[in-house]
Amino acid sequence: MRQSHIAIIGAPLDLGQGRRGVDMGPSALRVANLNLRLASLGYVVEDLGNVQVEQAESSPEGDPRAKYLPQIAAACDRLAAAVGETLARGSVPLVVGGDHSVAIGSVSGVSRYFRERKKEIGLIWLDAHADMNTPESSPSGNVHGMPLACLVGMGPPELRDLAGFRPKIAPGHAVIVGLRNVDRTEKPQVRESGVHAFTMRDIDERGLGAVMEEAIRLATDGTAGFHLSLDMDFVDPADAPGVGTPVRGGVTYREAHLAMETICDSGGMVSLEVVEVNPAIDEVNRTADLAVELLMSGLGKRIL
């Protein structure tokens, strides 16, 4: 990493999906000793606590095509501000979620910070899902299936135009890795968006190392660096059972570490997040523990 200070920001948001429990994700990662384990790598670690998030029990669901949209937008706006302030202090923001809709806030904050300096950033999205639905295409109305669409300039204006501009990421600088579950109505949007998508077939045929090298090249070409968005369902549920929407056939334990080690070696990561850890369906917190392991590999831990 270019900086020696890491600021942890919790985003305990579970309004973006139907299965409850991911709001406990930030606590689960802290229970897995996230702070101390990152400090063991030599970083100065500051925990900024959690941004304020409304609870489903006290909030109206609203439009069934984009449930809890105002509440999610407000939480993402607060998160974007916290991320921008962290970067301005010279620290690396590490956002711990929460469902994947928190990425709208974290990426907006990073993008705005670099945009004010006349620079662009790339995005590497490690995920089983494309997350490129819009309210018109989504079969569920769950916003955690829409964040990447919002970041590249599609979706509801409350999220698409967060921070006052769009897109947050030029589609050609956004890369999905690990894709294996795409809604039928979502597929045309992925194909036509300009976002680069590497499916599990690509990984099977080419190997994860080659795929990650190309993903990093695409995300860094002409940018100041990239934001890493790690959805723990990137990993096969045999190793990461406690996730919001598990899908069989994901990357293995070692492949996941290789992805993070390759990202670290590139020197291009400017910010990162980990999302969709759900302790309510986990097994003795092992998904959160794996998430911390992967973050450490992405931040410099080596076997030798």
Protein backbone atom coordinates (compact mmCIF):
# COMPACT_ATOMS: atom_id res chain seq x y z
CA MET A 1 0.00 0.00 0.00
CA ARG A 2 1.11 3.54 -0.70
CA GLN A 3 -0.01 4.73 2.73
CA SER A 4 0.81 3.37 6.17
CA HIS A 5 -2.50 4.31 7.85
CA ILE A 6 -5.76 2.39 7.50
CA ALA A 7 -9.12 3.70 8.69
CA ILE A 8 -11.85 1.11 9.25
CA ILE A 9 -15.40 2.33 8.59
CA GLY A 10 -18.34 0.08 9.44
CA ALA A 11 -21.44 0.19 7.24
CA PRO A 12 -24.01 -2.09 8.95
CA LEU A 13 -26.58 -1.84 6.18
CA ASP A 14 -28.98 -4.72 5.45
CA LEU A 15 -31.78 -2.79 3.75
CA GLY A 16 -30.53 -3.73 0.30
CA GLN A 17 -31.45 -7.41 0.47
CA GLY A 18 -34.19 -9.72 1.66
CA ARG A 19 -32.15 -11.97 3.96
CA ARG A 20 -31.45 -10.30 7.29
CA GLY A 21 -28.19 -10.53 9.19
CA VAL A 22 -25.53 -8.76 7.12
CA ASP A 23 -25.88 -5.71 9.36
CA MET A 24 -23.88 -7.76 11.88
CA GLY A 25 -21.03 -8.16 9.38
CA PRO A 26 -18.90 -5.27 10.71
CA SER A 27 -19.11 -6.70 14.22
CA ALA A 28 -18.22 -10.18 12.98
CA LEU A 29 -15.04 -8.89 11.31
CA ARG A 30 -14.08 -6.99 14.44
CA VAL A 31 -14.71 -10.13 16.53
CA ALA A 32 -12.31 -11.90 14.12
CA ASN A 33 -9.64 -9.42 15.31
CA LEU A 34 -9.56 -7.36 12.11
CA ASN A 35 -7.94 -4.36 13.79
CA LEU A 36 -5.14 -6.22 15.58
CA ARG A 37 -4.38 -8.48 12.63
CA LEU A 38 -3.98 -5.51 10.27
CA ALA A 39 -1.82 -3.76 12.84
CA SER A 40 0.42 -6.85 12.94
CA LEU A 41 1.35 -6.07 9.32
CA GLY A 42 2.82 -2.75 10.42
CA TYR A 43 -0.08 -0.44 9.65
CA VAL A 44 -1.40 2.25 11.94
CA VAL A 45 -5.07 1.24 12.26
CA GLU A 46 -7.85 3.61 13.27
CA ASP A 47 -11.40 2.37 13.76
CA LEU A 48 -13.92 5.11 13.00
CA GLY A 49 -16.91 3.04 14.16
CA ASN A 50 -20.06 2.68 12.09
CA VAL A 51 -21.97 5.13 9.94
CA GLN A 52 -25.60 5.64 10.92
CA VAL A 53 -28.04 3.29 9.17
CA GLU A 54 -31.81 3.06 9.52
CA GLN A 55 -33.36 -0.21 10.69
CA ALA A 56 -35.86 -2.08 8.55
CA GLU A 57 -38.28 -2.39 11.46
CA SER A 58 -38.58 1.39 11.74
CA SER A 59 -38.57 2.21 8.02
CA PRO A 60 -41.19 1.89 5.26
CA GLU A 61 -40.19 -0.44 2.44
CA GLY A 62 -41.33 2.04 -0.17
CA ASP A 63 -41.18 1.33 -3.91
CA PRO A 64 -41.19 -2.47 -4.40
CA ARG A 65 -38.92 -2.03 -7.44
CA ALA A 66 -36.19 -0.43 -5.24
CA LYS A 67 -36.91 -1.19 -1.60
CA TYR A 68 -35.76 1.22 1.13
CA LEU A 69 -34.27 3.50 -1.53
CA PRO A 70 -34.28 6.80 0.48
CA GLN A 71 -32.79 5.11 3.54
CA ILE A 72 -30.05 3.42 1.51
CA ALA A 73 -29.24 6.67 -0.30
CA ALA A 74 -28.94 8.54 3.02
CA ALA A 75 -26.63 5.89 4.50
CA CYS A 76 -24.49 5.84 1.35
CA ASP A 77 -24.22 9.63 1.40
CA ARG A 78 -22.92 9.50 4.98
CA LEU A 79 -20.49 6.74 4.04
CA ALA A 80 -19.22 8.70 1.02
CA ALA A 81 -18.46 11.66 3.27
CA ALA A 82 -16.58 9.48 5.77
CA VAL A 83 -14.54 7.85 3.00
CA GLY A 84 -13.63 11.21 1.46
CA GLU A 85 -12.54 12.61 4.81
CA THR A 86 -10.38 9.52 5.39
CA LEU A 87 -8.59 9.95 2.06
CA ALA A 88 -8.08 13.66 2.72
CA ARG A 89 -6.26 12.75 5.95
CA GLY A 90 -3.90 10.47 4.02
CA SER A 91 -5.37 7.19 5.24
CA VAL A 92 -6.65 4.23 3.26
CA PRO A 93 -10.41 3.66 3.82
CA LEU A 94 -11.40 0.07 4.56
CA VAL A 95 -15.20 -0.24 4.56
CA VAL A 96 -16.73 -3.29 6.23
CA GLY A 97 -20.36 -4.08 5.36
CA GLY A 98 -23.20 -4.64 5.26
CA ASP A 99 -24.80 -5.69 1.99
CA HIS A 100 -23.24 -4.72 -1.33
CA SER A 101 -25.32 -1.57 -1.72
CA VAL A 102 -22.79 0.10 0.62
CA ALA A 103 -20.41 0.15 -2.36
CA ILE A 104 -22.43 3.03 -3.80
CA GLY A 105 -21.32 5.12 -0.84
CA SER A 106 -17.73 3.95 -0.59
CA VAL A 107 -16.98 4.24 -4.32
CA SER A 108 -18.76 7.60 -4.54
CA GLY A 109 -16.52 8.94 -1.78
CA VAL A 110 -13.33 7.68 -3.41
CA SER A 111 -14.36 8.82 -6.88
CA ARG A 112 -15.30 12.31 -5.68
CA TYR A 113 -11.97 12.69 -3.86
CA PHE A 114 -9.97 11.86 -6.99
CA ARG A 115 -12.34 13.77 -9.29
CA GLU A 116 -11.64 16.94 -7.32
CA ARG A 117 -7.98 16.32 -8.18
CA LYS A 118 -8.78 15.82 -11.89
CA LYS A 119 -8.18 12.08 -11.73
CA GLU A 120 -10.23 8.96 -12.35
CA ILE A 121 -10.21 5.63 -10.56
CA GLY A 122 -10.84 2.05 -11.62
CA LEU A 123 -12.89 -0.62 -9.89
CA ILE A 124 -12.30 -4.34 -9.34
CA TRP A 125 -15.49 -6.12 -8.30
CA LEU A 126 -14.88 -9.65 -6.93
CA ASP A 127 -18.35 -11.15 -6.90
CA ALA A 128 -20.53 -14.08 -7.95
CA HIS A 129 -23.10 -11.53 -9.18
CA ALA A 130 -22.95 -8.65 -11.64
CA ASP A 131 -25.03 -6.34 -9.40
CA MET A 132 -26.11 -4.49 -12.54
CA ASN A 133 -29.87 -4.63 -12.20
CA THR A 134 -32.01 -1.51 -12.27
CA PRO A 135 -35.48 -1.08 -10.75
CA GLU A 136 -36.92 -1.92 -14.17
CA SER A 137 -35.00 -5.18 -14.56
CA SER A 138 -34.71 -6.44 -10.98
CA PRO A 139 -36.84 -9.49 -10.17
CA SER A 140 -36.69 -8.72 -6.43
CA GLY A 141 -36.39 -4.95 -6.02
CA ASN A 142 -33.40 -5.51 -3.70
CA VAL A 143 -30.91 -2.69 -4.11
CA HIS A 144 -27.89 -4.89 -3.30
CA GLY A 145 -28.35 -6.22 -6.84
CA MET A 146 -27.97 -2.72 -8.33
CA PRO A 147 -24.81 -1.00 -7.01
CA LEU A 148 -22.49 -1.56 -9.96
CA ALA A 149 -25.18 -0.32 -12.35
CA CYS A 150 -25.50 2.85 -10.24
CA LEU A 151 -21.74 3.39 -10.18
CA VAL A 152 -21.41 3.28 -13.98
CA GLY A 153 -24.33 5.67 -14.50
CA MET A 154 -27.53 3.61 -14.52
CA GLY A 155 -30.25 2.96 -11.96
CA PRO A 156 -32.33 5.24 -9.71
CA PRO A 157 -31.19 8.88 -9.65
CA GLU A 158 -31.02 8.89 -5.83
CA LEU A 159 -28.07 6.50 -6.11
CA ARG A 160 -26.82 7.10 -9.65
CA ASP A 161 -26.35 10.83 -8.94
CA LEU A 162 -25.07 10.49 -5.37
CA ALA A 163 -22.31 13.04 -4.65
CA GLY A 164 -23.61 15.18 -7.51
CA PHE A 165 -22.12 13.50 -10.58
CA ARG A 166 -22.19 10.38 -12.70
CA PRO A 167 -20.75 8.01 -13.57
CA LYS A 168 -18.56 7.36 -10.56
CA ILE A 169 -16.54 4.87 -12.62
CA ALA A 170 -16.08 4.86 -16.39
CA PRO A 171 -17.45 1.47 -17.51
CA GLY A 172 -14.21 0.65 -19.30
CA HIS A 173 -12.35 0.93 -15.98
CA ALA A 174 -14.74 -1.41 -14.10
CA VAL A 175 -13.98 -5.13 -13.95
CA ILE A 176 -16.05 -7.98 -12.49
CA VAL A 177 -14.18 -11.18 -11.57
CA GLY A 178 -15.83 -14.46 -10.53
CA LEU A 179 -19.20 -13.92 -12.18
CA ARG A 180 -21.47 -16.98 -12.19
CA ASN A 181 -25.05 -15.91 -11.41
CA VAL A 182 -26.72 -13.25 -13.58
CA ASP A 183 -30.46 -12.57 -13.83
CA ARG A 184 -31.93 -13.09 -17.31
CA THR A 185 -33.14 -9.50 -17.51
CA GLU A 186 -29.78 -8.24 -16.23
CA LYS A 187 -27.60 -9.95 -18.86
CA PRO A 188 -28.19 -7.39 -21.66
CA GLN A 189 -27.24 -4.56 -19.31
CA VAL A 190 -23.96 -6.25 -18.44
CA ARG A 191 -23.14 -6.98 -22.08
CA GLU A 192 -23.99 -3.47 -23.32
CA SER A 193 -22.55 -1.47 -20.42
CA GLY A 194 -18.87 -1.57 -21.38
CA VAL A 195 -17.96 -3.15 -18.03
CA HIS A 196 -15.44 -5.99 -18.36
CA ALA A 197 -16.78 -9.25 -16.91
CA PHE A 198 -14.68 -12.35 -16.24
CA THR A 199 -16.86 -15.34 -15.47
CA MET A 200 -15.94 -18.53 -13.67
CA ARG A 201 -15.55 -20.12 -17.10
CA ASP A 202 -12.84 -17.57 -17.89
CA ILE A 203 -11.11 -18.50 -14.65
CA ASP A 204 -11.47 -22.23 -15.37
CA GLU A 205 -10.04 -21.87 -18.87
CA ARG A 206 -7.33 -19.24 -18.33
CA GLY A 207 -6.47 -19.57 -14.66
CA LEU A 208 -7.09 -17.00 -11.96
CA GLY A 209 -3.61 -15.52 -12.18
CA ALA A 210 -3.98 -14.54 -15.84
CA VAL A 211 -7.49 -13.18 -15.26
CA MET A 212 -6.38 -11.04 -12.32
CA GLU A 213 -3.44 -9.62 -14.25
CA GLU A 214 -5.77 -8.50 -17.04
CA ALA A 215 -8.34 -7.16 -14.56
CA ILE A 216 -5.69 -5.05 -12.86
CA ARG A 217 -4.42 -3.76 -16.20
CA LEU A 218 -7.92 -2.67 -17.21
CA ALA A 219 -8.60 -1.00 -13.86
CA THR A 220 -5.29 0.89 -13.78
CA ASP A 221 -4.94 1.95 -17.42
CA GLY A 222 -5.33 5.72 -17.34
CA THR A 223 -6.45 5.87 -13.70
CA ALA A 224 -4.93 6.90 -10.37
CA GLY A 225 -5.53 3.39 -9.05
CA PHE A 226 -8.52 1.25 -8.22
CA HIS A 227 -11.03 0.55 -5.50
CA LEU A 228 -11.42 -3.10 -4.54
CA SER A 229 -14.92 -4.35 -3.73
CA LEU A 230 -14.80 -7.87 -2.27
CA ASP A 231 -18.13 -9.65 -1.91
CA MET A 232 -17.47 -12.78 0.11
CA ASP A 233 -19.73 -14.81 -2.19
CA PHE A 234 -16.81 -14.54 -4.65
CA VAL A 235 -15.51 -17.54 -2.69
CA ASP A 236 -17.20 -20.92 -2.96
CA PRO A 237 -19.72 -21.46 -0.11
CA ALA A 238 -17.75 -24.55 0.95
CA ASP A 239 -15.21 -22.08 2.36
CA ALA A 240 -17.46 -19.05 2.89
CA PRO A 241 -20.92 -20.29 3.97
CA GLY A 242 -21.98 -17.16 5.84
CA VAL A 243 -22.85 -14.86 2.95
CA GLY A 244 -26.04 -13.12 1.89
CA THR A 245 -26.53 -14.96 -1.42
CA PRO A 246 -24.28 -18.04 -1.70
CA VAL A 247 -23.71 -19.57 -5.15
CA ARG A 248 -21.95 -22.87 -5.74
CA GLY A 249 -18.90 -22.99 -8.00
CA GLY A 250 -16.92 -20.04 -6.69
CA VAL A 251 -13.18 -19.63 -6.34
CA THR A 252 -11.32 -21.86 -3.92
CA TYR A 253 -9.64 -20.81 -0.70
CA ARG A 254 -6.23 -20.62 -2.38
CA GLU A 255 -7.54 -18.88 -5.50
CA ALA A 256 -9.11 -16.20 -3.30
CA HIS A 257 -5.78 -15.59 -1.60
CA LEU A 258 -4.02 -15.48 -4.97
CA ALA A 259 -6.47 -12.82 -6.17
CA MET A 260 -5.74 -10.67 -3.13
CA GLU A 261 -1.98 -11.24 -3.27
CA THR A 262 -1.94 -10.25 -6.94
CA ILE A 263 -3.88 -7.09 -6.13
CA CYS A 264 -1.37 -6.23 -3.41
CA ASP A 265 1.59 -6.88 -5.72
CA SER A 266 0.15 -4.45 -8.29
CA GLY A 267 0.48 -1.48 -5.93
CA GLY A 268 -2.62 0.03 -7.53
CA MET A 269 -5.24 -0.30 -4.78
CA VAL A 270 -6.28 3.03 -3.24
CA SER A 271 -9.24 1.87 -1.14
CA LEU A 272 -11.17 -1.31 -0.38
CA GLU A 273 -14.23 -2.87 1.15
CA VAL A 274 -15.53 -6.30 2.12
CA VAL A 275 -19.28 -6.98 2.12
CA GLU A 276 -22.04 -9.57 2.53
CA VAL A 277 -20.68 -11.37 5.62
CA ASN A 278 -23.77 -12.74 7.38
CA PRO A 279 -23.03 -14.14 10.86
CA ALA A 280 -26.65 -15.31 11.22
CA ILE A 281 -26.01 -18.14 8.75
CA ASP A 282 -22.27 -18.59 9.30
CA GLU A 283 -20.45 -21.41 11.09
CA VAL A 284 -18.56 -20.20 14.19
CA ASN A 285 -17.64 -16.96 12.39
CA ARG A 286 -15.41 -18.71 9.85
CA THR A 287 -16.57 -16.56 6.92
CA ALA A 288 -15.63 -13.41 8.80
CA ASP A 289 -12.31 -15.00 9.75
CA LEU A 290 -11.64 -15.82 6.09
CA ALA A 291 -12.58 -12.26 5.13
CA VAL A 292 -9.91 -10.95 7.51
CA GLU A 293 -7.39 -13.44 6.11
CA LEU A 294 -8.10 -12.21 2.58
CA LEU A 295 -7.83 -8.58 3.60
CA MET A 296 -4.43 -9.33 5.12
CA SER A 297 -3.28 -10.96 1.87
CA GLY A 298 -4.48 -7.89 0.00
CA LEU A 299 -2.58 -5.63 2.38
CA GLY A 300 0.75 -7.37 2.34
CA LYS A 301 0.81 -10.61 4.31
CA ARG A 302 3.05 -13.22 2.66
CA ILE A 303 3.85 -16.87 3.32
CA LEU A 304 7.59 -16.08 3.39
